[in-house]
Amino acid sequence: IRCQIDDVRSRQIQFGYEVIDPLTGDIFATAYSKHICLDTENKVARMPDYWRHLFGQAAASA
């Protein structure tokens, strides 16, 4: 299973997934999940700048 960061926004991060045959490299399935940042009151909140910068760098290198 390969996982990568596809997109980073101020309040959201999206991860992409691929299930790959290690012998042939064939991709069996793809998927994604979106995650929203919440504060301690479960309200949508901005992602801390440090995290957004860090995840943004990872997304750019994917």
N, C-alpha and C. Protein backbone atom coordinates (compact mmCIF):
# COMPACT_ATOMS: atom_id res chain seq x y z
N ILE A 1 0.86 -1.17 0.00
CA ILE A 1 0.00 0.00 0.00
C ILE A 1 0.90 1.23 0.00
N ARG A 2 0.64 2.11 -0.92
CA ARG A 2 1.38 3.38 -1.01
C ARG A 2 0.44 4.48 -0.55
N CYS A 3 0.95 5.36 0.29
CA CYS A 3 0.17 6.49 0.79
C CYS A 3 0.95 7.77 0.52
N GLN A 4 0.24 8.80 0.11
CA GLN A 4 0.89 10.09 -0.11
C GLN A 4 -0.06 11.21 0.26
N ILE A 5 0.49 12.38 0.48
CA ILE A 5 -0.32 13.57 0.73
C ILE A 5 -0.63 14.19 -0.63
N ASP A 6 -1.91 14.27 -0.95
CA ASP A 6 -2.33 14.80 -2.25
C ASP A 6 -2.59 16.31 -2.21
N ASP A 7 -3.15 16.80 -1.11
CA ASP A 7 -3.54 18.20 -1.06
C ASP A 7 -3.54 18.68 0.38
N VAL A 8 -3.12 19.92 0.57
CA VAL A 8 -3.12 20.54 1.89
C VAL A 8 -3.78 21.90 1.76
N ARG A 9 -4.76 22.14 2.61
CA ARG A 9 -5.44 23.43 2.64
C ARG A 9 -5.40 23.96 4.07
N SER A 10 -5.93 25.12 4.28
CA SER A 10 -5.82 25.75 5.60
C SER A 10 -6.51 24.94 6.69
N ARG A 11 -7.55 24.19 6.33
CA ARG A 11 -8.30 23.43 7.33
C ARG A 11 -8.39 21.93 7.00
N GLN A 12 -7.77 21.51 5.93
CA GLN A 12 -7.98 20.14 5.45
C GLN A 12 -6.70 19.56 4.85
N ILE A 13 -6.58 18.24 4.97
CA ILE A 13 -5.50 17.51 4.31
C ILE A 13 -6.12 16.29 3.63
N GLN A 14 -5.64 15.98 2.43
CA GLN A 14 -6.13 14.82 1.69
C GLN A 14 -4.98 13.85 1.45
N PHE A 15 -5.21 12.59 1.81
CA PHE A 15 -4.25 11.52 1.58
C PHE A 15 -4.74 10.66 0.43
N GLY A 16 -3.83 10.23 -0.44
CA GLY A 16 -4.15 9.31 -1.52
C GLY A 16 -3.51 7.96 -1.23
N TYR A 17 -4.16 6.89 -1.66
CA TYR A 17 -3.69 5.53 -1.40
C TYR A 17 -3.73 4.71 -2.69
N GLU A 18 -2.78 3.82 -2.83
CA GLU A 18 -2.77 2.86 -3.94
C GLU A 18 -2.40 1.49 -3.37
N VAL A 19 -3.12 0.47 -3.80
CA VAL A 19 -2.76 -0.91 -3.48
C VAL A 19 -2.05 -1.45 -4.71
N ILE A 20 -0.77 -1.80 -4.54
CA ILE A 20 0.09 -2.15 -5.67
C ILE A 20 0.63 -3.57 -5.51
N ASP A 21 0.64 -4.33 -6.61
CA ASP A 21 1.26 -5.66 -6.63
C ASP A 21 2.77 -5.45 -6.61
N PRO A 22 3.47 -5.96 -5.59
CA PRO A 22 4.91 -5.73 -5.49
C PRO A 22 5.72 -6.43 -6.58
N LEU A 23 5.17 -7.45 -7.21
CA LEU A 23 5.90 -8.17 -8.25
C LEU A 23 5.77 -7.53 -9.62
N THR A 24 4.57 -7.07 -9.94
CA THR A 24 4.32 -6.52 -11.28
C THR A 24 4.21 -4.99 -11.31
N GLY A 25 3.93 -4.40 -10.16
CA GLY A 25 3.71 -2.96 -10.11
C GLY A 25 2.30 -2.56 -10.51
N ASP A 26 1.44 -3.56 -10.81
CA ASP A 26 0.05 -3.27 -11.16
C ASP A 26 -0.67 -2.62 -9.98
N ILE A 27 -1.50 -1.63 -10.28
CA ILE A 27 -2.30 -0.98 -9.25
C ILE A 27 -3.65 -1.67 -9.19
N PHE A 28 -3.97 -2.23 -8.03
CA PHE A 28 -5.24 -2.95 -7.84
C PHE A 28 -6.38 -2.01 -7.45
N ALA A 29 -6.07 -0.99 -6.66
CA ALA A 29 -7.12 -0.09 -6.18
C ALA A 29 -6.51 1.25 -5.81
N THR A 30 -7.32 2.29 -5.90
CA THR A 30 -6.92 3.62 -5.44
C THR A 30 -8.03 4.16 -4.55
N ALA A 31 -7.65 5.04 -3.65
CA ALA A 31 -8.62 5.65 -2.74
C ALA A 31 -8.03 6.95 -2.21
N TYR A 32 -8.87 7.72 -1.53
CA TYR A 32 -8.38 8.90 -0.84
C TYR A 32 -9.22 9.12 0.39
N SER A 33 -8.68 9.87 1.33
CA SER A 33 -9.43 10.28 2.52
C SER A 33 -9.12 11.74 2.79
N LYS A 34 -10.14 12.46 3.22
CA LYS A 34 -9.98 13.88 3.56
C LYS A 34 -10.16 14.01 5.07
N HIS A 35 -9.30 14.82 5.67
CA HIS A 35 -9.32 15.02 7.12
C HIS A 35 -9.43 16.51 7.41
N ILE A 36 -10.34 16.85 8.28
CA ILE A 36 -10.60 18.24 8.65
C ILE A 36 -10.05 18.48 10.05
N CYS A 37 -9.43 19.63 10.25
CA CYS A 37 -8.92 20.00 11.57
C CYS A 37 -10.06 20.55 12.42
N LEU A 38 -10.10 20.11 13.66
CA LEU A 38 -11.10 20.57 14.62
C LEU A 38 -10.40 21.13 15.85
N ASP A 39 -11.08 22.07 16.52
CA ASP A 39 -10.54 22.57 17.78
C ASP A 39 -11.08 21.72 18.93
N THR A 40 -10.80 22.12 20.14
CA THR A 40 -11.22 21.33 21.31
C THR A 40 -12.72 21.31 21.51
N GLU A 41 -13.44 22.19 20.79
CA GLU A 41 -14.91 22.21 20.86
C GLU A 41 -15.53 21.55 19.63
N ASN A 42 -14.71 20.82 18.87
CA ASN A 42 -15.14 20.12 17.65
C ASN A 42 -15.68 21.06 16.57
N LYS A 43 -15.13 22.27 16.53
CA LYS A 43 -15.46 23.21 15.47
C LYS A 43 -14.31 23.21 14.47
N VAL A 44 -14.64 23.40 13.19
CA VAL A 44 -13.60 23.44 12.15
C VAL A 44 -12.62 24.55 12.48
N ALA A 45 -11.33 24.21 12.40
CA ALA A 45 -10.28 25.17 12.76
C ALA A 45 -9.16 25.13 11.72
N ARG A 46 -8.40 26.20 11.67
CA ARG A 46 -7.24 26.25 10.79
C ARG A 46 -6.17 25.30 11.30
N MET A 47 -5.49 24.67 10.36
CA MET A 47 -4.35 23.82 10.70
C MET A 47 -3.21 24.73 11.17
N PRO A 48 -2.49 24.34 12.21
CA PRO A 48 -1.34 25.16 12.62
C PRO A 48 -0.39 25.39 11.45
N ASP A 49 0.16 26.59 11.35
CA ASP A 49 1.04 26.96 10.23
C ASP A 49 2.18 25.97 10.06
N TYR A 50 2.76 25.53 11.17
CA TYR A 50 3.89 24.60 11.09
C TYR A 50 3.47 23.31 10.38
N TRP A 51 2.31 22.76 10.76
CA TRP A 51 1.83 21.52 10.14
C TRP A 51 1.54 21.73 8.66
N ARG A 52 0.86 22.84 8.36
CA ARG A 52 0.50 23.10 6.96
C ARG A 52 1.76 23.23 6.10
N HIS A 53 2.77 23.88 6.62
CA HIS A 53 4.03 24.01 5.89
C HIS A 53 4.69 22.65 5.71
N LEU A 54 4.74 21.86 6.77
CA LEU A 54 5.36 20.54 6.72
C LEU A 54 4.62 19.62 5.75
N PHE A 55 3.29 19.55 5.87
CA PHE A 55 2.50 18.71 4.97
C PHE A 55 2.55 19.24 3.54
N GLY A 56 2.59 20.55 3.38
CA GLY A 56 2.68 21.13 2.04
C GLY A 56 3.97 20.74 1.34
N GLN A 57 5.08 20.69 2.07
CA GLN A 57 6.34 20.24 1.49
C GLN A 57 6.25 18.79 1.05
N ALA A 58 5.62 17.95 1.87
CA ALA A 58 5.47 16.53 1.52
C ALA A 58 4.59 16.38 0.28
N ALA A 59 3.53 17.17 0.19
CA ALA A 59 2.64 17.09 -0.98
C ALA A 59 3.37 17.52 -2.24
N ALA A 60 4.21 18.53 -2.14
CA ALA A 60 4.94 19.03 -3.31
C ALA A 60 5.95 18.01 -3.82
N SER A 61 6.48 17.19 -2.93
CA SER A 61 7.49 16.21 -3.35
C SER A 61 6.87 14.89 -3.77
N ALA A 62 5.54 14.75 -3.65
CA ALA A 62 4.87 13.49 -4.01
C ALA A 62 4.72 13.37 -5.51
